[in-house]
């Protein structure tokens, strides 16, 4: 029976790496295994199938066409002000909307022009924008001739994104009487870094404090708290429920969520829908967390990373149910196929526990922070936490040049407005269908059983091979695997024997023998192949066990 050429010790050493670094090792093995044996070097025998990263292979073309059509209008506005060879001027606001309407009528041939007009008309109608001010913001920002003002997020962009969040993250039911302030960031990854940094800088969290992580979870949420900057005492809230023997439910039992009731737990981080299991929180869990905040841990800070929320019908964020306690992180990367754009936001309701904690700090801590932010305001104590996030993102001294680039904010606005149109809703249902089809094909190939769940996003799937071993052949087979092999051994075999690259679920603080498959980045039938290959590797172990 073929085995990996690496020793168990070598495999064990590589398993210490982050899953995203370990992936590079799998890729190297998979690529070297693509060629035939010596003498046939250079002849590719199979394609590498890398389902290890969540970069989608779809692209939202409509809003991008609208963006480029807007660019032509913006250039015409610049040339209208000042024309000298390749030199133009800054667009003017007065009469901008009327000139935009004229441009639309006289350039029907431009791809995206109709969607651009529909987006602008929708924004003016839904949000009550002054047409000149809004169209000027779009035109001037798409050129990128100014610093971001306000630095946190543009005026019109904030209202549009707030509407998008209300629709897609809050299920069209934003919390009553609350205003959501937003900070546009360089993707969700920057948002994560800024949040951890500012909570520490402002004394809301201190080095060594106790925080909770709802696991499995996106690896950086595991790795950042362990850095010596933070050295947090981490409590794991584990999704340990099973539907039946060998079939994980990837749901949290009540006793796990109850860990959040301990008031020494200052913050909890979750990815919702989860990564890798790809399930939105159940109503039961959301209600339990709401009860804990109401009765036992009222100052609990919740960071919810909701990037996959659009893949679940009727998704509702914890930021909607617990607006006073929750920091929202959202990224446009996955829904719109826009990982290269780096578009994300941090959302925080104006009435929040963090600002209350800042107000309640003692005189020494307030004096320290007044010195930190004293160059920004004569009353630095009144600077809200979300505005401190902006300042801290530029080391305070460069606060005057903070903010996401303006062309990026325009793209964020157009993505959001697209979602509010019928075309955007049709697109949303189409990409949901894509990942579900891929999941079905993967399961057809691998012959593994998963729990039925209406809140499955299906962007990823996490498969527990050890649980499957017990389901199919009983506990003796599972014990054999644990005794004789490292949990990542199947992934090395996959890469070497089939040129398939997956990630280890243990790297996301999931079960050590689980594997993560991204359902976003390969062609549909590739998932059928991956399923077949994974099952073949699994059967190899079974044959070895049965031959003893």
Protein backbone atom coordinates (compact mmCIF):
# COMPACT_ATOMS: atom_id res chain seq x y z
CA UNK A 1 0.00 0.00 0.00
CA UNK A 2 1.43 3.44 -0.91
CA UNK A 3 2.33 5.71 1.97
CA UNK A 4 3.78 9.18 2.19
CA UNK A 5 7.56 9.31 1.77
CA UNK A 6 7.93 11.51 4.86
CA UNK A 7 8.70 10.02 8.22
CA UNK A 8 6.30 10.37 11.12
CA UNK A 9 8.76 12.71 12.84
CA UNK A 10 8.94 14.93 9.76
CA UNK A 11 5.15 15.05 9.54
CA UNK A 12 4.90 15.86 13.25
CA UNK A 13 7.34 18.77 12.87
CA UNK A 14 5.45 20.27 9.92
CA UNK A 15 2.16 19.97 11.81
CA UNK A 16 3.37 22.69 14.20
CA UNK A 17 2.99 25.26 11.42
CA UNK A 18 -0.04 27.46 10.85
CA UNK A 19 -2.37 25.69 8.39
CA UNK A 20 -1.75 28.42 5.82
CA UNK A 21 2.00 27.88 6.06
CA UNK A 22 1.57 24.10 6.08
CA UNK A 23 -0.46 24.52 2.90
CA UNK A 24 2.66 25.75 1.11
CA UNK A 25 4.38 22.46 1.98
CA UNK A 26 1.42 20.53 0.57
CA UNK A 27 1.57 22.61 -2.60
CA UNK A 28 5.28 21.89 -3.02
CA UNK A 29 4.65 18.15 -2.61
CA UNK A 30 1.64 18.25 -4.95
CA UNK A 31 3.57 20.10 -7.65
CA UNK A 32 6.53 17.75 -7.49
CA UNK A 33 4.13 14.80 -7.75
CA UNK A 34 2.55 16.15 -10.93
CA UNK A 35 5.38 14.92 -13.17
CA UNK A 36 5.97 11.34 -14.23
CA UNK A 37 8.90 9.28 -13.01
CA UNK A 38 12.48 10.05 -14.09
CA UNK A 39 12.83 9.62 -17.83
CA UNK A 40 9.45 11.20 -18.36
CA UNK A 41 10.29 14.36 -16.44
CA UNK A 42 8.20 17.36 -17.41
CA UNK A 43 5.14 15.39 -18.49
CA UNK A 44 2.22 16.42 -16.35
CA UNK A 45 0.08 13.49 -15.33
CA UNK A 46 -2.54 15.30 -13.26
CA UNK A 47 -3.62 18.78 -12.32
CA UNK A 48 -3.08 20.06 -8.81
CA UNK A 49 -6.40 20.68 -7.07
CA UNK A 50 -5.83 23.26 -4.36
CA UNK A 51 -8.94 23.56 -2.19
CA UNK A 52 -6.90 24.95 0.67
CA UNK A 53 -7.77 28.62 0.39
CA UNK A 54 -11.09 30.45 0.33
CA UNK A 55 -10.43 32.80 -2.59
CA UNK A 56 -13.57 32.37 -4.74
CA UNK A 57 -13.32 31.70 -8.47
CA UNK A 58 -16.37 33.85 -9.27
CA UNK A 59 -16.41 37.59 -9.89
CA UNK A 60 -19.28 40.07 -9.66
CA UNK A 61 -18.94 41.71 -13.07
CA UNK A 62 -21.93 44.11 -13.01
CA UNK A 63 -20.79 46.47 -10.26
CA UNK A 64 -17.27 46.43 -11.67
CA UNK A 65 -18.58 47.53 -15.07
CA UNK A 66 -20.51 50.29 -13.30
CA UNK A 67 -17.31 51.32 -11.54
CA UNK A 68 -15.40 51.65 -14.80
CA UNK A 69 -18.27 53.53 -16.44
CA UNK A 70 -18.17 55.93 -13.50
CA UNK A 71 -14.46 56.38 -14.15
CA UNK A 72 -15.13 57.73 -17.66
CA UNK A 73 -17.63 60.21 -16.26
CA UNK A 74 -15.19 61.28 -13.55
CA UNK A 75 -12.45 61.88 -16.11
CA UNK A 76 -14.85 63.99 -18.19
CA UNK A 77 -15.56 66.03 -15.06
CA UNK A 78 -11.85 66.51 -14.50
CA UNK A 79 -11.24 67.60 -18.09
CA UNK A 80 -14.18 69.99 -17.92
CA UNK A 81 -12.39 71.95 -15.17
CA UNK A 82 -8.92 72.03 -16.67
CA UNK A 83 -7.55 70.50 -19.86
CA UNK A 84 -3.90 70.62 -20.86
CA UNK A 85 -2.66 67.48 -22.60
CA UNK A 86 -2.81 64.83 -19.82
CA UNK A 87 -3.59 67.31 -17.08
CA UNK A 88 -7.06 67.80 -15.60
CA UNK A 89 -8.65 69.49 -12.61
CA UNK A 90 -10.69 68.52 -9.59
CA UNK A 91 -14.38 67.85 -10.38
CA UNK A 92 -16.84 70.51 -9.25
CA UNK A 93 -19.92 69.73 -7.18
CA UNK A 94 -22.40 72.31 -8.51
CA UNK A 95 -24.44 70.84 -11.36
CA UNK A 96 -22.64 67.49 -11.08
CA UNK A 97 -25.85 65.42 -11.05
CA UNK A 98 -27.25 67.14 -14.15
CA UNK A 99 -24.01 66.57 -16.02
CA UNK A 100 -24.09 62.92 -14.91
CA UNK A 101 -27.58 62.51 -16.38
CA UNK A 102 -26.35 64.03 -19.65
CA UNK A 103 -23.36 61.69 -19.66
CA UNK A 104 -25.65 58.68 -19.16
CA UNK A 105 -27.88 59.73 -22.09
CA UNK A 106 -24.97 60.36 -24.45
CA UNK A 107 -22.93 57.24 -23.64
CA UNK A 108 -25.38 54.33 -23.88
CA UNK A 109 -22.64 52.16 -25.38
CA UNK A 110 -20.55 52.04 -22.20
CA UNK A 111 -20.72 48.67 -20.41
CA UNK A 112 -22.19 49.15 -16.94
CA UNK A 113 -23.76 52.53 -17.66
CA UNK A 114 -27.32 51.36 -17.00
CA UNK A 115 -26.38 49.63 -13.75
CA UNK A 116 -24.49 52.74 -12.68
CA UNK A 117 -27.56 54.90 -13.24
CA UNK A 118 -29.79 52.40 -11.44
CA UNK A 119 -27.39 52.37 -8.48
CA UNK A 120 -27.25 56.16 -8.25
CA UNK A 121 -31.02 56.51 -8.58
CA UNK A 122 -31.58 53.89 -5.88
CA UNK A 123 -29.17 55.61 -3.48
CA UNK A 124 -30.75 59.03 -3.96
CA UNK A 125 -34.23 57.59 -3.42
CA UNK A 126 -33.49 55.23 -0.50
CA UNK A 127 -31.14 57.46 1.48
CA UNK A 128 -32.44 60.89 0.49
CA UNK A 129 -29.08 62.09 -0.82
CA UNK A 130 -28.59 65.47 -2.39
CA UNK A 131 -27.87 64.41 -6.01
CA UNK A 132 -25.06 66.89 -6.61
CA UNK A 133 -23.27 66.02 -3.37
CA UNK A 134 -23.58 62.27 -3.91
CA UNK A 135 -22.55 62.18 -7.57
CA UNK A 136 -19.67 64.50 -6.80
CA UNK A 137 -18.48 62.21 -4.01
CA UNK A 138 -18.54 59.27 -6.43
CA UNK A 139 -16.76 61.13 -9.23
CA UNK A 140 -14.13 62.86 -7.13
CA UNK A 141 -13.44 59.74 -5.07
CA UNK A 142 -13.08 57.46 -8.09
CA UNK A 143 -10.30 59.74 -9.32
CA UNK A 144 -8.63 59.57 -5.92
CA UNK A 145 -7.48 63.20 -5.93
CA UNK A 146 -8.16 63.85 -2.23
CA UNK A 147 -7.38 62.33 1.12
CA UNK A 148 -10.30 60.48 2.71
CA UNK A 149 -12.50 63.01 4.53
CA UNK A 150 -13.83 61.96 6.99
CA UNK A 151 -10.97 59.54 7.52
CA UNK A 152 -13.18 56.87 9.07
CA UNK A 153 -15.46 56.54 6.02
CA UNK A 154 -17.00 58.86 3.44
CA UNK A 155 -20.34 60.44 4.34
CA UNK A 156 -22.45 58.82 1.62
CA UNK A 157 -20.51 55.56 1.66
CA UNK A 158 -21.25 55.11 5.35
CA UNK A 159 -25.00 55.44 4.82
CA UNK A 160 -24.96 53.03 1.87
CA UNK A 161 -22.88 50.42 3.69
CA UNK A 162 -25.06 50.83 6.77
CA UNK A 163 -28.05 50.02 4.57
CA UNK A 164 -26.28 46.99 3.12
CA UNK A 165 -25.43 45.72 6.60
CA UNK A 166 -29.04 46.23 7.70
CA UNK A 167 -30.24 44.18 4.72
CA UNK A 168 -27.72 41.35 4.70
CA UNK A 169 -26.29 41.14 8.22
CA UNK A 170 -29.36 42.21 10.20
CA UNK A 171 -32.02 40.46 8.07
CA UNK A 172 -33.65 43.83 7.24
CA UNK A 173 -34.30 44.37 10.96
CA UNK A 174 -31.64 46.71 12.39
CA UNK A 175 -31.86 47.29 16.13
CA UNK A 176 -34.36 50.05 16.92
CA UNK A 177 -33.03 53.36 18.16
CA UNK A 178 -29.41 52.51 17.36
CA UNK A 179 -27.02 54.14 14.91
CA UNK A 180 -24.24 52.00 13.44
CA UNK A 181 -20.96 53.83 12.87
CA UNK A 182 -18.55 52.31 10.38
CA UNK A 183 -14.81 52.35 9.73
CA UNK A 184 -13.76 51.31 6.22
CA UNK A 185 -10.68 49.08 6.39
CA UNK A 186 -8.28 47.19 4.14
CA UNK A 187 -10.33 44.01 4.28
CA UNK A 188 -11.45 41.99 7.28
CA UNK A 189 -7.84 41.11 8.16
CA UNK A 190 -6.94 44.75 8.83
CA UNK A 191 -10.14 45.09 10.84
CA UNK A 192 -9.07 42.22 13.10
CA UNK A 193 -5.63 43.73 13.69
CA UNK A 194 -7.01 47.20 14.43
CA UNK A 195 -9.55 45.88 16.94
CA UNK A 196 -7.08 43.85 18.98
CA UNK A 197 -4.56 46.70 18.91
CA UNK A 198 -6.95 49.47 19.97
CA UNK A 199 -8.60 47.47 22.74
CA UNK A 200 -5.17 47.00 24.27
CA UNK A 201 -3.95 50.55 23.61
CA UNK A 202 -7.05 51.97 25.30
CA UNK A 203 -6.81 49.76 28.35
CA UNK A 204 -10.12 48.02 27.65
CA UNK A 205 -8.17 44.78 27.55
CA UNK A 206 -4.86 44.28 29.30
CA UNK A 207 -2.06 41.86 28.61
CA UNK A 208 -2.92 38.49 30.11
CA UNK A 209 -6.68 39.12 30.28
CA UNK A 210 -9.07 36.24 29.78
CA UNK A 211 -10.89 36.07 26.46
CA UNK A 212 -12.94 33.35 24.78
CA UNK A 213 -12.81 31.94 21.25
CA UNK A 214 -15.68 30.02 19.69
CA UNK A 215 -13.87 27.18 17.94
CA UNK A 216 -13.17 25.94 15.33
CA UNK A 217 -12.28 29.42 14.13
CA UNK A 218 -10.25 31.23 11.46
CA UNK A 219 -6.62 30.69 12.48
CA UNK A 220 -5.55 34.34 13.09
CA UNK A 221 -8.09 34.55 15.91
CA UNK A 222 -6.10 31.74 17.53
CA UNK A 223 -2.65 33.09 16.81
CA UNK A 224 -3.02 36.81 17.58
CA UNK A 225 -3.99 36.31 21.26
CA UNK A 226 -0.87 34.16 21.77
CA UNK A 227 1.52 36.91 20.65
CA UNK A 228 3.59 38.35 23.48
CA UNK A 229 1.90 41.72 22.86
CA UNK A 230 -1.34 40.25 24.22
CA UNK A 231 -0.59 36.91 25.90
CA UNK A 232 -4.30 36.48 26.58
CA UNK A 233 -5.65 33.67 28.73
CA UNK A 234 -7.82 31.95 26.14
CA UNK A 235 -10.96 29.97 26.95
CA UNK A 236 -12.12 27.63 24.18
CA UNK A 237 -15.87 27.42 23.54
CA UNK A 238 -16.05 24.20 21.53
CA UNK A 239 -18.60 23.12 18.92
CA UNK A 240 -18.52 19.56 20.18
CA UNK A 241 -22.06 18.24 19.54
CA UNK A 242 -22.68 15.15 17.39
CA UNK A 243 -25.84 14.37 15.43
CA UNK A 244 -25.05 10.67 15.77
CA UNK A 245 -21.96 8.52 16.20
CA UNK A 246 -19.40 9.63 13.65
CA UNK A 247 -21.41 12.64 12.40
CA UNK A 248 -20.43 15.97 13.89
CA UNK A 249 -23.10 18.61 14.23
CA UNK A 250 -20.58 21.45 14.65
CA UNK A 251 -22.92 23.03 17.20
CA UNK A 252 -22.21 24.37 20.69
CA UNK A 253 -23.68 22.61 23.75
CA UNK A 254 -25.20 24.82 26.44
CA UNK A 255 -22.38 24.09 28.88
CA UNK A 256 -19.81 25.42 26.42
CA UNK A 257 -21.66 28.69 25.82
CA UNK A 258 -22.12 28.95 29.60
CA UNK A 259 -18.36 29.59 29.87
CA UNK A 260 -19.12 33.16 28.69
CA UNK A 261 -21.10 33.82 31.88
CA UNK A 262 -17.84 34.08 33.83
CA UNK A 263 -17.28 37.86 34.24
CA UNK A 264 -13.52 37.34 34.08
CA UNK A 265 -14.06 36.57 30.37
CA UNK A 266 -13.69 40.07 28.95
CA UNK A 267 -14.22 39.32 25.25
CA UNK A 268 -15.40 36.56 22.94
CA UNK A 269 -14.52 36.25 19.25
CA UNK A 270 -16.56 34.25 16.76
CA UNK A 271 -16.74 33.82 13.01
CA UNK A 272 -20.40 33.61 12.04
CA UNK A 273 -21.06 31.63 9.87
CA UNK A 274 -18.14 29.63 11.16
CA UNK A 275 -14.86 28.90 9.42
CA UNK A 276 -14.31 26.02 8.68
CA UNK A 277 -17.65 24.34 9.60
CA UNK A 278 -19.52 27.09 7.71
CA UNK A 279 -22.63 27.23 9.90
CA UNK A 280 -24.44 30.30 11.20
CA UNK A 281 -25.09 30.34 14.92
CA UNK A 282 -28.29 28.62 15.95
CA UNK A 283 -31.11 30.68 17.44
CA UNK A 284 -30.67 28.72 20.67
CA UNK A 285 -27.04 29.80 21.00
CA UNK A 286 -27.76 33.43 20.09
CA UNK A 287 -30.49 33.55 22.71
CA UNK A 288 -28.24 31.96 25.33
CA UNK A 289 -25.53 34.57 24.69
CA UNK A 290 -28.16 37.33 24.90
CA UNK A 291 -29.30 35.94 28.25
CA UNK A 292 -25.73 35.77 29.57
CA UNK A 293 -25.11 39.41 28.63
CA UNK A 294 -28.41 40.49 30.18
CA UNK A 295 -27.97 38.64 33.46
CA UNK A 296 -24.37 37.59 34.14
CA UNK A 297 -21.71 39.30 32.03
CA UNK A 298 -23.10 42.69 30.90
CA UNK A 299 -19.72 44.10 29.83
CA UNK A 300 -18.78 41.16 27.64
CA UNK A 301 -17.28 42.44 24.38
CA UNK A 302 -18.28 40.36 21.37
CA UNK A 303 -16.29 40.47 18.13
CA UNK A 304 -18.29 38.84 15.35
CA UNK A 305 -16.70 38.27 11.94
CA UNK A 306 -19.64 37.85 9.58
CA UNK A 307 -17.96 37.66 6.17
CA UNK A 308 -19.97 34.57 5.12
CA UNK A 309 -23.34 35.84 6.32
CA UNK A 310 -24.68 36.46 2.83
CA UNK A 311 -24.51 32.72 2.09
CA UNK A 312 -27.22 31.90 4.67
CA UNK A 313 -30.87 32.76 4.07
CA UNK A 314 -32.25 35.02 6.80
CA UNK A 315 -28.85 35.50 8.46
CA UNK A 316 -28.89 37.72 11.55
CA UNK A 317 -25.70 38.89 13.22
CA UNK A 318 -25.05 39.07 16.94
CA UNK A 319 -24.44 42.76 16.26
CA UNK A 320 -28.18 43.06 15.58
CA UNK A 321 -29.26 41.11 18.66
CA UNK A 322 -26.63 42.55 21.01
CA UNK A 323 -25.88 45.98 19.52
CA UNK A 324 -24.42 47.45 22.71
CA UNK A 325 -21.81 44.72 23.18
CA UNK A 326 -20.80 43.73 19.67
CA UNK A 327 -18.10 44.87 17.26
CA UNK A 328 -18.98 43.79 13.73
CA UNK A 329 -16.37 42.82 11.16
CA UNK A 330 -17.44 42.40 7.55
CA UNK A 331 -15.52 41.94 4.31
CA UNK A 332 -16.76 42.13 0.72
CA UNK A 333 -14.05 39.72 -0.44
CA UNK A 334 -15.91 36.43 -0.59
CA UNK A 335 -19.37 37.48 -1.76
CA UNK A 336 -18.11 39.60 -4.65
CA UNK A 337 -14.94 37.71 -5.58
CA UNK A 338 -12.95 40.74 -4.47
CA UNK A 339 -10.13 39.53 -2.25
CA UNK A 340 -7.70 41.74 -4.18
CA UNK A 341 -9.72 44.88 -3.51
CA UNK A 342 -9.25 44.61 0.30
CA UNK A 343 -12.66 46.00 1.25
CA UNK A 344 -13.86 45.61 4.81
CA UNK A 345 -15.62 47.49 7.58
CA UNK A 346 -15.71 47.62 11.35
CA UNK A 347 -19.16 48.43 12.70
CA UNK A 348 -19.95 49.66 16.21
CA UNK A 349 -23.25 51.05 17.45
CA UNK A 350 -22.97 54.50 18.99
CA UNK A 351 -24.34 53.29 22.33
CA UNK A 352 -21.77 50.65 23.27
CA UNK A 353 -20.09 49.15 26.32
CA UNK A 354 -16.59 50.11 25.17
CA UNK A 355 -17.29 53.83 25.20
CA UNK A 356 -18.98 53.35 28.58
CA UNK A 357 -15.83 51.62 29.85
CA UNK A 358 -13.68 54.50 28.56
CA UNK A 359 -15.88 56.99 30.38
CA UNK A 360 -15.61 54.97 33.62
CA UNK A 361 -11.81 54.72 33.61
CA UNK A 362 -9.86 56.13 36.54
CA UNK A 363 -7.99 59.45 36.41
CA UNK A 364 -4.57 57.92 35.77
CA UNK A 365 -5.78 55.89 32.78
CA UNK A 366 -7.69 58.87 31.40
CA UNK A 367 -4.60 61.05 31.76
CA UNK A 368 -2.53 58.47 29.85
CA UNK A 369 -5.04 58.31 27.02
CA UNK A 370 -5.50 62.08 26.97
CA UNK A 371 -1.79 62.35 26.30
CA UNK A 372 -2.02 59.70 23.58
CA UNK A 373 -4.85 61.40 21.71
CA UNK A 374 -4.24 64.99 22.86
CA UNK A 375 -2.99 66.18 19.47
CA UNK A 376 -6.30 65.24 17.87
CA UNK A 377 -8.72 67.16 20.08
CA UNK A 378 -8.84 69.65 22.91
CA UNK A 379 -11.20 67.17 24.55
CA UNK A 380 -9.58 63.80 23.84
CA UNK A 381 -11.78 62.05 26.43
CA UNK A 382 -14.73 62.58 24.10
CA UNK A 383 -13.12 60.72 21.17
CA UNK A 384 -15.20 57.58 20.68
CA UNK A 385 -13.65 54.15 20.44
CA UNK A 386 -14.38 53.76 16.74
CA UNK A 387 -12.59 57.05 16.05
CA UNK A 388 -9.70 55.89 18.22
CA UNK A 389 -9.54 52.81 15.99
CA UNK A 390 -8.98 55.14 13.04
CA UNK A 391 -6.25 57.09 14.82
CA UNK A 392 -4.52 53.96 16.11
CA UNK A 393 -4.53 52.46 12.61
CA UNK A 394 -2.11 55.27 11.69
CA UNK A 395 -0.20 55.44 14.98
CA UNK A 396 -2.21 58.56 15.95
CA UNK A 397 0.40 60.90 14.45
CA UNK A 398 -0.87 60.18 10.92
CA UNK A 399 -4.55 60.39 11.78
CA UNK A 400 -4.92 63.26 9.30
CA UNK A 401 -4.06 60.86 6.46
CA UNK A 402 -6.00 57.86 7.76
CA UNK A 403 -8.72 56.05 5.90
CA UNK A 404 -9.32 53.54 3.14
CA UNK A 405 -8.44 54.84 -0.32
CA UNK A 406 -11.33 56.67 -1.97
CA UNK A 407 -11.53 54.55 -5.16
CA UNK A 408 -11.89 51.53 -2.88
CA UNK A 409 -14.71 53.19 -0.98
CA UNK A 410 -16.49 53.87 -4.28
CA UNK A 411 -16.24 50.19 -5.17
CA UNK A 412 -17.60 49.34 -1.72
CA UNK A 413 -20.57 51.64 -2.36
CA UNK A 414 -21.29 50.13 -5.77
CA UNK A 415 -21.07 46.57 -4.43
CA UNK A 416 -23.53 47.52 -1.69
CA UNK A 417 -25.97 49.24 -4.05
CA UNK A 418 -25.81 46.32 -6.46
CA UNK A 419 -27.04 44.05 -3.66
CA UNK A 420 -30.07 46.32 -3.20
CA UNK A 421 -31.12 45.84 -6.83
CA UNK A 422 -32.89 42.81 -8.29
CA UNK A 423 -29.73 41.96 -10.22
CA UNK A 424 -27.73 41.79 -7.00
CA UNK A 425 -30.25 39.53 -5.33
CA UNK A 426 -30.20 37.19 -8.32
CA UNK A 427 -26.40 37.15 -8.14
CA UNK A 428 -26.54 36.28 -4.42
CA UNK A 429 -28.78 33.27 -5.02
CA UNK A 430 -26.56 32.16 -7.89
CA UNK A 431 -23.36 32.02 -5.84
CA UNK A 432 -25.20 30.26 -3.01
CA UNK A 433 -26.27 27.62 -5.52
CA UNK A 434 -22.67 27.26 -6.75
CA UNK A 435 -21.22 26.32 -3.35
CA UNK A 436 -24.11 23.99 -2.56
CA UNK A 437 -23.66 22.16 -5.84
CA UNK A 438 -19.97 21.73 -5.08
CA UNK A 439 -20.76 20.40 -1.62
CA UNK A 440 -23.10 17.80 -3.09
CA UNK A 441 -20.44 16.68 -5.56
CA UNK A 442 -17.78 16.45 -2.84
CA UNK A 443 -20.06 14.33 -0.66
CA UNK A 444 -20.97 12.13 -3.64
CA UNK A 445 -17.29 11.38 -4.11
CA UNK A 446 -16.25 10.97 -0.49
CA UNK A 447 -19.31 9.01 0.70
CA UNK A 448 -19.34 10.74 4.06
CA UNK A 449 -22.41 11.73 6.02
CA UNK A 450 -22.87 15.28 7.33
CA UNK A 451 -25.63 16.78 9.44
CA UNK A 452 -28.55 18.47 7.70
CA UNK A 453 -28.60 22.12 8.72
CA UNK A 454 -30.67 25.01 7.27
CA UNK A 455 -28.05 27.49 8.47
CA UNK A 456 -25.22 25.94 6.45
CA UNK A 457 -23.35 28.53 4.39
CA UNK A 458 -21.47 25.76 2.50
CA UNK A 459 -18.54 28.04 1.74
CA UNK A 460 -16.29 25.46 3.41
CA UNK A 461 -16.84 22.00 4.82
CA UNK A 462 -14.94 20.41 7.69
CA UNK A 463 -14.79 16.62 7.61
CA UNK A 464 -13.67 14.67 10.65
CA UNK A 465 -11.86 11.57 9.39
CA UNK A 466 -11.50 10.03 12.83
CA UNK A 467 -15.23 10.35 13.46
CA UNK A 468 -15.85 8.82 10.03
CA UNK A 469 -13.51 5.95 10.91
CA UNK A 470 -15.59 5.18 13.98
CA UNK A 471 -18.86 5.53 12.06
CA UNK A 472 -17.81 3.12 9.30
CA UNK A 473 -15.57 0.59 11.05
CA UNK A 474 -15.98 1.20 14.78
CA UNK A 475 -13.73 2.52 17.51
CA UNK A 476 -10.94 -0.08 17.00
CA UNK A 477 -10.20 1.41 13.57
CA UNK A 478 -10.19 4.95 14.98
CA UNK A 479 -7.81 3.82 17.73
CA UNK A 480 -5.53 2.23 15.11
CA UNK A 481 -5.29 5.52 13.22
CA UNK A 482 -4.48 7.54 16.33
CA UNK A 483 -1.83 5.06 17.45
CA UNK A 484 -0.02 4.68 14.14
CA UNK A 485 -0.31 8.00 12.32
CA UNK A 486 -0.16 11.73 12.81
CA UNK A 487 -3.48 13.55 12.24
CA UNK A 488 -2.11 15.38 9.17
CA UNK A 489 -0.82 12.17 7.55
CA UNK A 490 -3.89 11.94 5.23
CA UNK A 491 -3.16 15.43 3.90
CA UNK A 492 0.43 14.53 3.07
CA UNK A 493 -0.79 11.39 1.30
CA UNK A 494 -3.36 13.39 -0.65
CA UNK A 495 -0.76 15.88 -1.83
CA UNK A 496 1.79 13.21 -2.74
CA UNK A 497 -0.50 10.64 -4.33
CA UNK A 498 -3.19 12.81 -5.93
CA UNK A 499 -1.88 16.42 -5.99
CA UNK A 500 -4.88 17.49 -3.90
CA UNK A 501 -4.25 20.24 -1.34
CA UNK A 502 -6.55 20.63 1.68
CA UNK A 503 -6.00 22.26 5.09
CA UNK A 504 -5.83 20.56 8.47
CA UNK A 505 -8.83 21.26 10.67
CA UNK A 506 -6.65 21.06 13.77
CA UNK A 507 -5.02 24.30 12.65
CA UNK A 508 -8.38 25.99 13.21
CA UNK A 509 -8.67 24.44 16.68
CA UNK A 510 -11.05 21.83 15.33
CA UNK A 511 -10.64 18.05 15.73
CA UNK A 512 -7.07 17.04 14.95
CA UNK A 513 -8.12 14.49 12.32
CA UNK A 514 -10.46 16.87 10.49
CA UNK A 515 -9.77 18.45 7.11
CA UNK A 516 -11.04 21.72 5.66
CA UNK A 517 -12.20 21.89 2.05
CA UNK A 518 -12.87 25.26 0.45
CA UNK A 519 -15.90 24.96 -1.82
CA UNK A 520 -15.28 28.33 -3.44
CA UNK A 521 -12.19 28.18 -5.58
CA UNK A 522 -12.30 25.19 -7.98
CA UNK A 523 -14.55 24.03 -10.80
CA UNK A 524 -17.60 22.02 -9.79
CA UNK A 525 -16.42 18.61 -10.98
CA UNK A 526 -13.08 19.06 -9.23
CA UNK A 527 -14.93 18.52 -5.96
CA UNK A 528 -16.18 15.16 -7.15
CA UNK A 529 -12.55 14.23 -7.86
CA UNK A 530 -11.39 15.51 -4.46
CA UNK A 531 -14.09 13.45 -2.79
CA UNK A 532 -12.99 10.30 -4.64
CA UNK A 533 -9.33 10.90 -3.77
CA UNK A 534 -10.07 11.54 -0.10
CA UNK A 535 -12.17 8.37 0.10
CA UNK A 536 -9.42 6.35 -1.57
CA UNK A 537 -6.88 7.56 1.00
CA UNK A 538 -9.32 6.74 3.79
CA UNK A 539 -9.84 3.24 2.37
CA UNK A 540 -6.07 2.70 2.24
CA UNK A 541 -5.90 3.06 6.01
CA UNK A 542 -8.86 0.69 6.42
CA UNK A 543 -7.18 -1.94 4.22
CA UNK A 544 -3.99 -1.70 6.25
CA UNK A 545 -5.94 -2.10 9.51
CA UNK A 546 -7.96 -5.03 8.16
CA UNK A 547 -4.77 -6.74 6.93
CA UNK A 548 -3.19 -6.86 10.38
